[in-house]
């Protein structure tokens, strides 16, 4: 593996980490979900994440008032903690949507020069 490969992999990892919280809000804006379901949806979209990465983000977003949760009984084992986006979370998601569009437009502008 060359230094360039390692550097690119590191950049890709940092980019993914930077948008993971945004992705969580997007998923939860569509429907309430528990952690394993969020991970599955991320993986289906080629955003690979493990529980040890997801849980601290969910906790931080909950503590910031962006998410809330409730416990629901499960037919397949112990109760599940379902996360939902709050009104504040919806507002932040709307702002992030704007920022994301601006970033994409900026990159497209830079690439086209």
Protein backbone atom coordinates (compact mmCIF):
# COMPACT_ATOMS: atom_id res chain seq x y z
CA UNK A 1 0.00 0.00 0.00
CA UNK A 2 1.43 3.38 -0.98
CA UNK A 3 1.34 6.56 1.06
CA UNK A 4 -1.11 7.95 -1.50
CA UNK A 5 -3.51 5.04 -0.96
CA UNK A 6 -3.39 5.45 2.81
CA UNK A 7 -3.96 9.17 2.48
CA UNK A 8 -6.96 8.68 0.17
CA UNK A 9 -8.44 6.08 2.52
CA UNK A 10 -8.00 8.45 5.44
CA UNK A 11 -9.66 11.30 3.55
CA UNK A 12 -12.57 9.06 2.57
CA UNK A 13 -13.01 7.95 6.20
CA UNK A 14 -12.98 11.56 7.42
CA UNK A 15 -15.53 12.58 4.79
CA UNK A 16 -17.84 9.73 5.82
CA UNK A 17 -17.53 10.62 9.50
CA UNK A 18 -18.33 14.22 8.68
CA UNK A 19 -21.64 13.37 7.02
CA UNK A 20 -22.73 10.49 9.24
CA UNK A 21 -24.71 12.67 11.67
CA UNK A 22 -26.43 14.27 8.70
CA UNK A 23 -27.31 10.82 7.32
CA UNK A 24 -28.77 9.76 10.67
CA UNK A 25 -31.08 12.78 10.68
CA UNK A 26 -32.14 12.05 7.10
CA UNK A 27 -33.02 8.44 7.96
CA UNK A 28 -34.95 9.41 11.09
CA UNK A 29 -36.81 12.17 9.25
CA UNK A 30 -38.46 9.42 7.20
CA UNK A 31 -39.39 7.08 10.05
CA UNK A 32 -38.50 6.21 13.62
CA UNK A 33 -35.85 3.49 13.80
CA UNK A 34 -33.71 1.51 16.22
CA UNK A 35 -29.91 1.38 15.98
CA UNK A 36 -29.63 -1.89 14.04
CA UNK A 37 -32.15 -0.64 11.51
CA UNK A 38 -30.22 2.62 11.07
CA UNK A 39 -27.02 0.65 10.51
CA UNK A 40 -28.77 -1.56 7.92
CA UNK A 41 -30.08 1.47 6.03
CA UNK A 42 -26.64 3.07 6.04
CA UNK A 43 -25.02 -0.15 4.78
CA UNK A 44 -27.63 -0.47 2.01
CA UNK A 45 -26.48 2.97 0.85
CA UNK A 46 -22.80 1.93 0.95
CA UNK A 47 -22.17 3.93 4.16
CA UNK A 48 -20.45 1.33 6.30
CA UNK A 49 -20.73 2.00 10.03
CA UNK A 50 -20.51 -0.16 13.15
CA UNK A 51 -22.50 0.06 16.37
CA UNK A 52 -19.51 1.38 18.32
CA UNK A 53 -19.50 4.40 15.98
CA UNK A 54 -23.26 4.87 15.81
CA UNK A 55 -24.23 4.79 19.51
CA UNK A 56 -22.07 7.77 20.57
CA UNK A 57 -23.50 9.81 17.69
CA UNK A 58 -27.07 8.91 18.64
CA UNK A 59 -26.35 9.82 22.26
CA UNK A 60 -24.80 13.15 21.26
CA UNK A 61 -27.73 14.00 18.99
CA UNK A 62 -30.17 13.08 21.76
CA UNK A 63 -28.28 15.25 24.25
CA UNK A 64 -28.37 18.13 21.76
CA UNK A 65 -32.16 17.78 21.56
CA UNK A 66 -32.11 16.61 17.93
CA UNK A 67 -33.46 13.14 18.73
CA UNK A 68 -35.69 11.52 21.28
CA UNK A 69 -36.28 7.84 21.93
CA UNK A 70 -38.82 5.40 23.29
CA UNK A 71 -38.67 1.74 24.24
CA UNK A 72 -40.83 -0.75 22.34
CA UNK A 73 -41.33 -4.42 23.04
CA UNK A 74 -39.86 -6.71 20.39
CA UNK A 75 -41.17 -10.08 19.25
CA UNK A 76 -37.53 -11.09 18.63
CA UNK A 77 -35.85 -10.51 21.98
CA UNK A 78 -35.47 -7.62 24.39
CA UNK A 79 -37.22 -4.24 23.99
CA UNK A 80 -35.79 -1.92 21.34
CA UNK A 81 -34.89 1.73 21.70
CA UNK A 82 -36.56 3.58 18.82
CA UNK A 83 -35.12 6.97 17.91
CA UNK A 84 -37.15 9.77 16.38
CA UNK A 85 -36.21 13.20 15.14
CA UNK A 86 -37.44 16.18 17.19
CA UNK A 87 -38.66 19.53 15.89
CA UNK A 88 -35.22 20.94 16.66
CA UNK A 89 -33.69 18.02 14.74
CA UNK A 90 -35.92 18.83 11.76
CA UNK A 91 -34.73 22.44 11.85
CA UNK A 92 -31.08 21.35 11.97
CA UNK A 93 -31.70 18.88 9.13
CA UNK A 94 -33.19 21.67 7.02
CA UNK A 95 -30.09 23.81 7.65
CA UNK A 96 -27.81 20.86 6.82
CA UNK A 97 -29.74 20.27 3.58
CA UNK A 98 -28.92 23.85 2.59
CA UNK A 99 -25.26 23.48 3.59
CA UNK A 100 -24.99 20.19 1.69
CA UNK A 101 -26.40 21.75 -1.48
CA UNK A 102 -24.02 24.71 -1.14
CA UNK A 103 -21.05 22.33 -0.69
CA UNK A 104 -22.00 20.27 -3.74
CA UNK A 105 -22.48 23.45 -5.79
CA UNK A 106 -19.10 24.77 -4.60
CA UNK A 107 -17.29 21.54 -5.51
CA UNK A 108 -19.02 21.45 -8.90
CA UNK A 109 -17.99 25.07 -9.47
CA UNK A 110 -14.35 24.36 -8.55
CA UNK A 111 -14.23 21.23 -10.73
CA UNK A 112 -15.65 23.04 -13.75
CA UNK A 113 -12.92 25.72 -13.78
